[in-house]
């Protein structure tokens, strides 16, 4: 659906679920993604959640599979839309570690942010990231995100407290004037 130079953002399919289940059960991937403490996930549970979402009908929302050269490598999404303030939260996870550090996540973030500004009339896209995840922080900065706040020792991750960094990017001025 959304195409960059090397990345395609498309709908998640049931065929992607076995790889996603592997990603969800990789402790390094889970810790890099932040959020809740890592917990095991069965393929059956992941498929049941996917099927429950399908049974609702409607569209899939602003959630995308990240594909590189025909390979599913992770996912990204805009969520928690605030339709009054015109903002949404961004989340991304590259689950296949062989694709880490090669700019695929950065390209996916840029596509997703542009999609939010252009198609959802967002004024701001924001996210939370663990302070120790310097690779992600550098990638977000390269995409125009700035640190807006830091909650010190706010999360427990991998046996230690870590800061929770809040970052955001505003719609570029030239796009605001064109709207």
Protein backbone atom coordinates (compact mmCIF):
# COMPACT_ATOMS: atom_id res chain seq x y z
CA UNK A 1 0.00 0.00 0.00
CA UNK A 2 2.80 2.45 0.89
CA UNK A 3 6.02 2.11 -1.06
CA UNK A 4 9.40 3.55 -0.29
CA UNK A 5 12.72 3.01 -2.02
CA UNK A 6 13.35 -0.32 -0.22
CA UNK A 7 10.35 -0.85 2.05
CA UNK A 8 6.69 -1.65 1.42
CA UNK A 9 4.07 -1.09 4.12
CA UNK A 10 1.07 -3.37 3.52
CA UNK A 11 -1.69 -5.13 5.40
CA UNK A 12 -0.64 -7.95 7.70
CA UNK A 13 -1.71 -11.37 6.41
CA UNK A 14 -2.30 -14.65 8.18
CA UNK A 15 0.76 -15.99 6.34
CA UNK A 16 2.91 -13.47 8.26
CA UNK A 17 1.87 -14.86 11.65
CA UNK A 18 4.42 -17.70 11.99
CA UNK A 19 7.29 -15.21 11.55
CA UNK A 20 5.58 -12.72 13.88
CA UNK A 21 5.26 -15.44 16.51
CA UNK A 22 9.02 -16.09 16.22
CA UNK A 23 9.68 -12.34 16.63
CA UNK A 24 7.34 -12.17 19.65
CA UNK A 25 9.25 -15.00 21.32
CA UNK A 26 12.73 -13.55 20.71
CA UNK A 27 13.83 -11.91 23.96
CA UNK A 28 16.17 -9.44 22.18
CA UNK A 29 13.38 -8.27 19.88
CA UNK A 30 10.93 -7.92 22.76
CA UNK A 31 13.38 -5.94 24.89
CA UNK A 32 14.24 -3.63 21.98
CA UNK A 33 10.54 -2.92 21.49
CA UNK A 34 10.01 -1.80 25.06
CA UNK A 35 6.55 -2.11 26.50
CA UNK A 36 5.52 -4.92 28.80
CA UNK A 37 7.91 -7.57 30.13
CA UNK A 38 8.49 -10.31 27.55
CA UNK A 39 6.01 -13.18 27.71
CA UNK A 40 5.80 -16.28 25.52
CA UNK A 41 3.14 -16.31 22.81
CA UNK A 42 1.79 -19.33 20.99
CA UNK A 43 1.01 -19.29 17.29
CA UNK A 44 -2.54 -20.43 18.10
CA UNK A 45 -3.12 -17.37 20.32
CA UNK A 46 -1.67 -15.01 17.70
CA UNK A 47 -3.89 -16.58 15.03
CA UNK A 48 -6.96 -16.33 17.29
CA UNK A 49 -6.28 -12.61 17.89
CA UNK A 50 -5.82 -12.07 14.15
CA UNK A 51 -9.05 -13.95 13.35
CA UNK A 52 -10.97 -11.98 16.01
CA UNK A 53 -9.85 -8.76 14.36
CA UNK A 54 -10.97 -10.03 10.96
CA UNK A 55 -14.39 -11.00 12.29
CA UNK A 56 -15.12 -7.36 13.13
CA UNK A 57 -15.18 -6.52 9.44
CA UNK A 58 -14.21 -2.94 8.69
CA UNK A 59 -10.64 -1.96 7.86
CA UNK A 60 -7.40 -2.90 9.59
CA UNK A 61 -6.73 0.60 10.91
CA UNK A 62 -3.33 2.20 10.47
CA UNK A 63 -1.35 -0.99 11.13
CA UNK A 64 1.09 -2.22 8.52
CA UNK A 65 3.37 -5.15 7.83
CA UNK A 66 6.89 -4.10 6.83
CA UNK A 67 8.13 -5.96 3.77
CA UNK A 68 11.58 -5.86 2.17
CA UNK A 69 12.17 -7.71 -1.12
CA UNK A 70 9.12 -9.90 -0.50
CA UNK A 71 10.13 -10.76 3.09
CA UNK A 72 8.00 -9.84 6.12
CA UNK A 73 10.43 -8.27 8.64
CA UNK A 74 8.14 -6.59 11.19
CA UNK A 75 5.30 -4.18 11.67
CA UNK A 76 4.45 -0.57 12.38
CA UNK A 77 1.32 1.38 13.23
CA UNK A 78 -0.27 4.66 14.12
CA UNK A 79 -2.69 4.31 17.04
CA UNK A 80 -4.33 6.23 19.91
CA UNK A 81 -5.63 8.81 17.45
CA UNK A 82 -6.75 12.08 19.04
CA UNK A 83 -9.11 13.60 16.48
CA UNK A 84 -9.38 16.91 18.34
CA UNK A 85 -5.64 17.59 18.72
CA UNK A 86 -4.83 15.80 15.42
CA UNK A 87 -2.14 13.55 16.84
CA UNK A 88 -1.39 9.84 16.98
CA UNK A 89 1.17 7.57 18.56
CA UNK A 90 3.65 5.58 16.47
CA UNK A 91 4.96 2.09 17.14
CA UNK A 92 7.39 -0.02 15.13
CA UNK A 93 9.17 -3.31 15.52
CA UNK A 94 11.68 -4.89 13.16
CA UNK A 95 11.53 -8.49 14.30
CA UNK A 96 14.09 -9.98 11.93
CA UNK A 97 17.42 -8.99 13.50
CA UNK A 98 19.29 -9.49 10.21
CA UNK A 99 17.55 -6.29 9.05
CA UNK A 100 18.55 -4.20 12.10
CA UNK A 101 20.85 -1.23 11.57
CA UNK A 102 20.34 -1.02 7.79
CA UNK A 103 17.87 1.87 7.61
CA UNK A 104 14.72 -0.18 6.96
CA UNK A 105 13.07 0.96 10.19
CA UNK A 106 13.93 4.57 9.46
CA UNK A 107 12.37 4.33 6.00
CA UNK A 108 9.24 2.66 7.44
CA UNK A 109 8.92 5.43 10.07
CA UNK A 110 9.26 8.12 7.40
CA UNK A 111 6.56 6.46 5.26
CA UNK A 112 4.26 6.09 8.26
CA UNK A 113 4.72 9.67 9.46
CA UNK A 114 4.09 11.03 5.97
CA UNK A 115 0.98 8.83 5.74
CA UNK A 116 -0.29 10.26 9.04
CA UNK A 117 0.28 13.86 8.01
CA UNK A 118 -1.01 13.47 4.46
CA UNK A 119 -3.94 11.07 4.84
CA UNK A 120 -5.07 11.52 8.44
CA UNK A 121 -4.46 15.28 8.70
CA UNK A 122 -2.29 14.79 11.76
CA UNK A 123 -0.49 17.74 13.28
CA UNK A 124 1.80 15.61 15.43
CA UNK A 125 3.09 12.04 15.63
CA UNK A 126 4.64 10.98 18.91
CA UNK A 127 6.16 7.89 20.50
CA UNK A 128 7.73 6.43 23.61
CA UNK A 129 11.12 4.71 23.62
CA UNK A 130 13.36 3.34 26.35
CA UNK A 131 16.34 5.56 27.08
CA UNK A 132 18.83 2.72 26.65
CA UNK A 133 17.61 2.09 23.09
CA UNK A 134 20.07 4.53 21.50
CA UNK A 135 19.81 2.88 18.07
CA UNK A 136 16.09 3.65 17.94
CA UNK A 137 16.54 7.17 19.33
CA UNK A 138 19.12 7.96 16.60
CA UNK A 139 16.75 6.61 13.94
CA UNK A 140 13.82 8.67 15.26
CA UNK A 141 15.98 11.81 15.35
CA UNK A 142 16.98 11.16 11.73
CA UNK A 143 13.25 11.15 10.91
CA UNK A 144 12.74 14.57 12.53
CA UNK A 145 11.58 13.49 15.99
CA UNK A 146 12.79 15.55 18.95
CA UNK A 147 12.88 14.60 22.61
CA UNK A 148 9.96 16.29 24.35
CA UNK A 149 10.27 14.72 27.76
CA UNK A 150 11.92 12.05 29.84
CA UNK A 151 10.40 10.12 32.72
CA UNK A 152 13.40 9.08 34.80
CA UNK A 153 13.68 5.43 35.83
CA UNK A 154 10.07 4.96 34.75
CA UNK A 155 10.19 1.46 33.27
CA UNK A 156 11.60 -1.85 34.47
CA UNK A 157 13.34 -3.62 31.60
CA UNK A 158 15.92 -6.40 31.45
CA UNK A 159 16.65 -6.30 35.18
CA UNK A 160 17.05 -2.54 35.60
CA UNK A 161 15.09 0.69 35.64
CA UNK A 162 15.25 2.76 32.48
CA UNK A 163 14.08 6.19 31.43
CA UNK A 164 11.03 6.50 29.21
CA UNK A 165 11.74 9.04 26.48
CA UNK A 166 8.85 10.83 24.78
CA UNK A 167 9.60 12.06 21.27
CA UNK A 168 7.48 13.85 18.70
CA UNK A 169 7.49 15.28 15.22
CA UNK A 170 5.22 18.07 14.02
CA UNK A 171 3.77 18.41 10.55
CA UNK A 172 6.20 20.43 8.43
CA UNK A 173 5.22 24.07 7.98
CA UNK A 174 5.05 23.86 4.19
CA UNK A 175 2.56 20.97 4.36
CA UNK A 176 0.40 22.85 6.94
CA UNK A 177 0.14 25.86 4.63
CA UNK A 178 -0.75 23.64 1.64
CA UNK A 179 -3.63 22.00 3.55
